[in-house]
N, C-alpha and C. Protein backbone atom coordinates (compact mmCIF):
# COMPACT_ATOMS: atom_id res chain seq x y z
N MET A 1 5.27 4.36 -13.42
CA MET A 1 3.87 4.01 -13.43
C MET A 1 3.27 4.27 -14.82
N ASP A 2 3.64 5.37 -15.44
CA ASP A 2 3.11 5.66 -16.78
C ASP A 2 3.44 4.55 -17.77
N ALA A 3 4.66 4.02 -17.70
CA ALA A 3 5.07 2.94 -18.61
C ALA A 3 4.26 1.68 -18.36
N LEU A 4 4.01 1.36 -17.10
CA LEU A 4 3.22 0.16 -16.77
C LEU A 4 1.79 0.31 -17.25
N LEU A 5 1.20 1.46 -17.04
CA LEU A 5 -0.17 1.70 -17.51
C LEU A 5 -0.23 1.61 -19.03
N ALA A 6 0.78 2.12 -19.71
CA ALA A 6 0.82 2.03 -21.17
C ALA A 6 0.89 0.57 -21.62
N ARG A 7 1.62 -0.27 -20.89
CA ARG A 7 1.70 -1.69 -21.23
C ARG A 7 0.33 -2.36 -21.12
N PHE A 8 -0.50 -1.88 -20.22
CA PHE A 8 -1.86 -2.41 -20.08
C PHE A 8 -2.80 -1.80 -21.13
N GLY A 9 -2.30 -0.88 -21.91
CA GLY A 9 -3.13 -0.22 -22.92
C GLY A 9 -4.04 0.84 -22.34
N MET A 10 -3.72 1.30 -21.14
CA MET A 10 -4.54 2.33 -20.51
C MET A 10 -4.04 3.71 -20.93
N ARG A 11 -4.99 4.57 -21.27
CA ARG A 11 -4.63 5.91 -21.69
C ARG A 11 -5.28 6.94 -20.78
N SER A 12 -4.58 8.01 -20.62
CA SER A 12 -5.08 9.12 -19.82
C SER A 12 -6.44 9.56 -20.36
N GLY A 13 -7.38 9.80 -19.46
CA GLY A 13 -8.71 10.22 -19.86
C GLY A 13 -9.66 9.07 -20.13
N GLU A 14 -9.13 7.86 -20.28
CA GLU A 14 -9.97 6.69 -20.58
C GLU A 14 -9.87 5.60 -19.52
N GLY A 15 -8.74 5.52 -18.83
CA GLY A 15 -8.50 4.41 -17.91
C GLY A 15 -9.11 4.62 -16.54
N CYS A 16 -9.42 3.49 -15.89
CA CYS A 16 -9.92 3.49 -14.52
C CYS A 16 -8.93 2.76 -13.63
N VAL A 17 -8.66 3.33 -12.46
CA VAL A 17 -7.68 2.77 -11.53
C VAL A 17 -8.35 2.65 -10.17
N ILE A 18 -8.11 1.52 -9.49
CA ILE A 18 -8.59 1.33 -8.12
C ILE A 18 -7.40 1.50 -7.19
N VAL A 19 -7.52 2.39 -6.22
CA VAL A 19 -6.42 2.66 -5.29
C VAL A 19 -6.82 2.17 -3.89
N THR A 20 -5.98 1.31 -3.32
CA THR A 20 -6.17 0.82 -1.95
C THR A 20 -4.85 0.98 -1.22
N GLY A 21 -4.86 0.81 0.08
CA GLY A 21 -3.61 0.87 0.80
C GLY A 21 -3.78 1.05 2.30
N ILE A 22 -2.67 0.93 2.99
CA ILE A 22 -2.69 1.00 4.45
C ILE A 22 -2.61 2.43 4.95
N SER A 23 -1.83 3.25 4.32
CA SER A 23 -1.63 4.61 4.80
C SER A 23 -2.45 5.59 3.97
N THR A 24 -3.71 5.76 4.36
CA THR A 24 -4.64 6.60 3.60
C THR A 24 -4.12 8.01 3.39
N ARG A 25 -3.58 8.60 4.43
CA ARG A 25 -3.16 10.00 4.37
C ARG A 25 -1.83 10.18 3.66
N ASN A 26 -1.11 9.10 3.38
CA ASN A 26 0.18 9.21 2.72
C ASN A 26 0.15 8.52 1.36
N CYS A 27 0.32 7.22 1.34
CA CYS A 27 0.44 6.48 0.08
C CYS A 27 -0.82 6.56 -0.77
N VAL A 28 -1.97 6.31 -0.16
CA VAL A 28 -3.22 6.34 -0.91
C VAL A 28 -3.47 7.74 -1.46
N GLN A 29 -3.30 8.74 -0.62
CA GLN A 29 -3.51 10.12 -1.06
C GLN A 29 -2.57 10.49 -2.20
N SER A 30 -1.31 10.08 -2.12
CA SER A 30 -0.35 10.38 -3.18
C SER A 30 -0.73 9.70 -4.49
N ALA A 31 -1.16 8.44 -4.40
CA ALA A 31 -1.55 7.71 -5.61
C ALA A 31 -2.80 8.32 -6.23
N VAL A 32 -3.79 8.64 -5.42
CA VAL A 32 -5.02 9.26 -5.94
C VAL A 32 -4.70 10.58 -6.62
N THR A 33 -3.87 11.38 -5.99
CA THR A 33 -3.48 12.66 -6.58
C THR A 33 -2.77 12.45 -7.92
N ALA A 34 -1.82 11.52 -7.96
CA ALA A 34 -1.05 11.28 -9.18
C ALA A 34 -1.93 10.79 -10.33
N PHE A 35 -2.81 9.85 -10.05
CA PHE A 35 -3.70 9.35 -11.11
C PHE A 35 -4.71 10.41 -11.53
N SER A 36 -5.20 11.16 -10.56
CA SER A 36 -6.20 12.18 -10.85
C SER A 36 -5.63 13.27 -11.77
N ILE A 37 -4.43 13.76 -11.47
CA ILE A 37 -3.87 14.82 -12.32
C ILE A 37 -3.46 14.30 -13.69
N ARG A 38 -3.31 12.98 -13.82
CA ARG A 38 -3.02 12.38 -15.13
C ARG A 38 -4.32 12.04 -15.87
N ASP A 39 -5.45 12.42 -15.29
CA ASP A 39 -6.78 12.29 -15.89
C ASP A 39 -7.27 10.85 -15.99
N TYR A 40 -6.86 9.99 -15.06
CA TYR A 40 -7.45 8.65 -14.95
C TYR A 40 -8.64 8.75 -14.02
N HIS A 41 -9.66 7.93 -14.25
CA HIS A 41 -10.76 7.89 -13.29
C HIS A 41 -10.33 6.98 -12.15
N VAL A 42 -10.40 7.48 -10.94
CA VAL A 42 -9.88 6.78 -9.76
C VAL A 42 -11.04 6.34 -8.87
N TYR A 43 -11.04 5.06 -8.51
CA TYR A 43 -11.99 4.52 -7.54
C TYR A 43 -11.24 4.27 -6.25
N VAL A 44 -11.78 4.75 -5.13
CA VAL A 44 -11.17 4.54 -3.82
C VAL A 44 -12.19 3.78 -2.96
N PRO A 45 -12.02 2.45 -2.82
CA PRO A 45 -12.91 1.72 -1.92
C PRO A 45 -12.54 2.04 -0.47
N MET A 46 -13.41 2.74 0.20
CA MET A 46 -13.11 3.25 1.54
C MET A 46 -12.84 2.13 2.54
N ASP A 47 -13.40 0.94 2.30
CA ASP A 47 -13.17 -0.17 3.22
C ASP A 47 -11.85 -0.89 2.93
N CYS A 48 -11.07 -0.39 1.97
CA CYS A 48 -9.78 -0.99 1.62
C CYS A 48 -8.62 -0.03 1.87
N THR A 49 -8.83 0.89 2.79
CA THR A 49 -7.77 1.80 3.21
C THR A 49 -7.73 1.80 4.73
N ALA A 50 -6.62 2.24 5.28
CA ALA A 50 -6.49 2.27 6.74
C ALA A 50 -5.54 3.38 7.15
N GLN A 51 -5.65 3.75 8.37
CA GLN A 51 -4.78 4.77 8.97
C GLN A 51 -4.96 4.64 10.47
N LYS A 52 -3.92 4.87 11.20
CA LYS A 52 -3.99 4.75 12.65
C LYS A 52 -5.01 5.71 13.25
N ASP A 53 -5.05 6.91 12.72
CA ASP A 53 -5.93 7.96 13.23
C ASP A 53 -7.12 8.14 12.30
N GLU A 54 -8.32 7.87 12.79
CA GLU A 54 -9.52 7.98 11.96
C GLU A 54 -9.71 9.39 11.42
N LYS A 55 -9.29 10.40 12.17
CA LYS A 55 -9.40 11.79 11.72
C LYS A 55 -8.62 11.99 10.42
N GLU A 56 -7.45 11.37 10.30
CA GLU A 56 -6.65 11.51 9.08
C GLU A 56 -7.31 10.81 7.90
N ILE A 57 -7.97 9.70 8.14
CA ILE A 57 -8.71 9.03 7.06
C ILE A 57 -9.81 9.96 6.55
N LEU A 58 -10.56 10.54 7.47
CA LEU A 58 -11.64 11.44 7.07
C LEU A 58 -11.11 12.67 6.35
N GLN A 59 -9.94 13.17 6.75
CA GLN A 59 -9.35 14.31 6.05
C GLN A 59 -9.00 13.94 4.61
N ALA A 60 -8.43 12.75 4.42
CA ALA A 60 -8.08 12.31 3.06
C ALA A 60 -9.34 12.13 2.22
N PHE A 61 -10.37 11.47 2.77
CA PHE A 61 -11.61 11.27 2.03
C PHE A 61 -12.25 12.61 1.69
N SER A 62 -12.18 13.54 2.60
CA SER A 62 -12.72 14.88 2.34
C SER A 62 -11.96 15.55 1.19
N LEU A 63 -10.67 15.39 1.16
CA LEU A 63 -9.86 15.95 0.09
C LEU A 63 -10.25 15.35 -1.27
N PHE A 64 -10.47 14.02 -1.31
CA PHE A 64 -10.80 13.35 -2.57
C PHE A 64 -12.15 13.81 -3.13
N THR A 65 -13.01 14.31 -2.29
CA THR A 65 -14.32 14.77 -2.77
C THR A 65 -14.37 16.29 -2.93
N SER A 66 -13.22 16.95 -2.82
CA SER A 66 -13.17 18.40 -2.96
C SER A 66 -13.16 18.80 -4.43
N PHE A 67 -13.19 20.09 -4.69
CA PHE A 67 -13.32 20.63 -6.05
C PHE A 67 -12.32 20.05 -7.04
N GLY A 68 -11.06 19.94 -6.68
CA GLY A 68 -10.04 19.49 -7.62
C GLY A 68 -10.14 18.04 -8.02
N TYR A 69 -10.87 17.24 -7.25
CA TYR A 69 -10.94 15.80 -7.51
C TYR A 69 -12.32 15.33 -7.96
N ARG A 70 -13.34 16.09 -7.74
CA ARG A 70 -14.71 15.60 -7.91
C ARG A 70 -14.99 14.96 -9.25
N HIS A 71 -14.39 15.45 -10.32
CA HIS A 71 -14.77 14.96 -11.64
C HIS A 71 -14.20 13.59 -11.97
N ASN A 72 -13.15 13.14 -11.29
CA ASN A 72 -12.59 11.84 -11.68
C ASN A 72 -12.20 10.94 -10.51
N VAL A 73 -12.66 11.23 -9.31
CA VAL A 73 -12.42 10.37 -8.16
C VAL A 73 -13.76 9.96 -7.57
N THR A 74 -13.95 8.65 -7.41
CA THR A 74 -15.18 8.12 -6.85
C THR A 74 -14.87 7.38 -5.56
N MET A 75 -15.49 7.82 -4.49
CA MET A 75 -15.39 7.12 -3.21
C MET A 75 -16.48 6.06 -3.22
N THR A 76 -16.13 4.82 -2.86
CA THR A 76 -17.08 3.72 -2.94
C THR A 76 -16.75 2.66 -1.91
N ARG A 77 -17.40 1.52 -2.01
CA ARG A 77 -17.09 0.33 -1.20
C ARG A 77 -16.59 -0.75 -2.15
N SER A 78 -15.77 -1.64 -1.65
CA SER A 78 -15.18 -2.67 -2.51
C SER A 78 -16.23 -3.60 -3.11
N ASP A 79 -17.32 -3.87 -2.41
CA ASP A 79 -18.33 -4.78 -2.94
C ASP A 79 -19.17 -4.16 -4.06
N LEU A 80 -19.00 -2.89 -4.32
CA LEU A 80 -19.72 -2.22 -5.40
C LEU A 80 -18.90 -2.10 -6.68
N ILE A 81 -17.67 -2.55 -6.66
CA ILE A 81 -16.80 -2.46 -7.83
C ILE A 81 -16.88 -3.75 -8.64
N LYS A 82 -17.19 -3.63 -9.91
CA LYS A 82 -17.24 -4.78 -10.83
C LYS A 82 -16.02 -4.73 -11.73
N LEU A 83 -15.21 -5.78 -11.70
CA LEU A 83 -14.00 -5.82 -12.51
C LEU A 83 -14.27 -6.50 -13.84
N ARG A 84 -13.63 -5.98 -14.87
CA ARG A 84 -13.67 -6.60 -16.21
C ARG A 84 -12.36 -7.30 -16.44
N PRO A 85 -12.38 -8.43 -17.11
CA PRO A 85 -11.11 -9.13 -17.41
C PRO A 85 -10.21 -8.24 -18.26
N GLN A 86 -8.92 -8.24 -17.94
CA GLN A 86 -7.93 -7.47 -18.67
C GLN A 86 -6.99 -8.42 -19.41
N LYS A 87 -6.35 -7.90 -20.43
CA LYS A 87 -5.37 -8.71 -21.14
C LYS A 87 -4.15 -8.96 -20.26
N VAL A 88 -3.53 -10.10 -20.46
CA VAL A 88 -2.37 -10.49 -19.67
C VAL A 88 -1.11 -9.89 -20.27
N LEU A 89 -0.24 -9.35 -19.41
CA LEU A 89 1.04 -8.79 -19.89
C LEU A 89 1.98 -9.90 -20.32
N PRO A 90 2.75 -9.68 -21.39
CA PRO A 90 3.74 -10.70 -21.81
C PRO A 90 4.90 -10.79 -20.85
């Protein structure tokens, strides 16, 4: 993942990443954690994640807003995210 982000010209502390997925408590949580500790700003559109058990979704969202994540993880809705055009990879 670090190599791919570098190809996009994204650097730790400057880049923004949007994380979505089906398994909020597993895949999404792992991705948010990985990007967060690498100092990327992470956006999690809550309407673009899923989990069989709603309690597990709420546990993951609660974790993302806890002390360790607050400074670089933003919980939002997909319709509030504005994308900027990025350069195309060769």
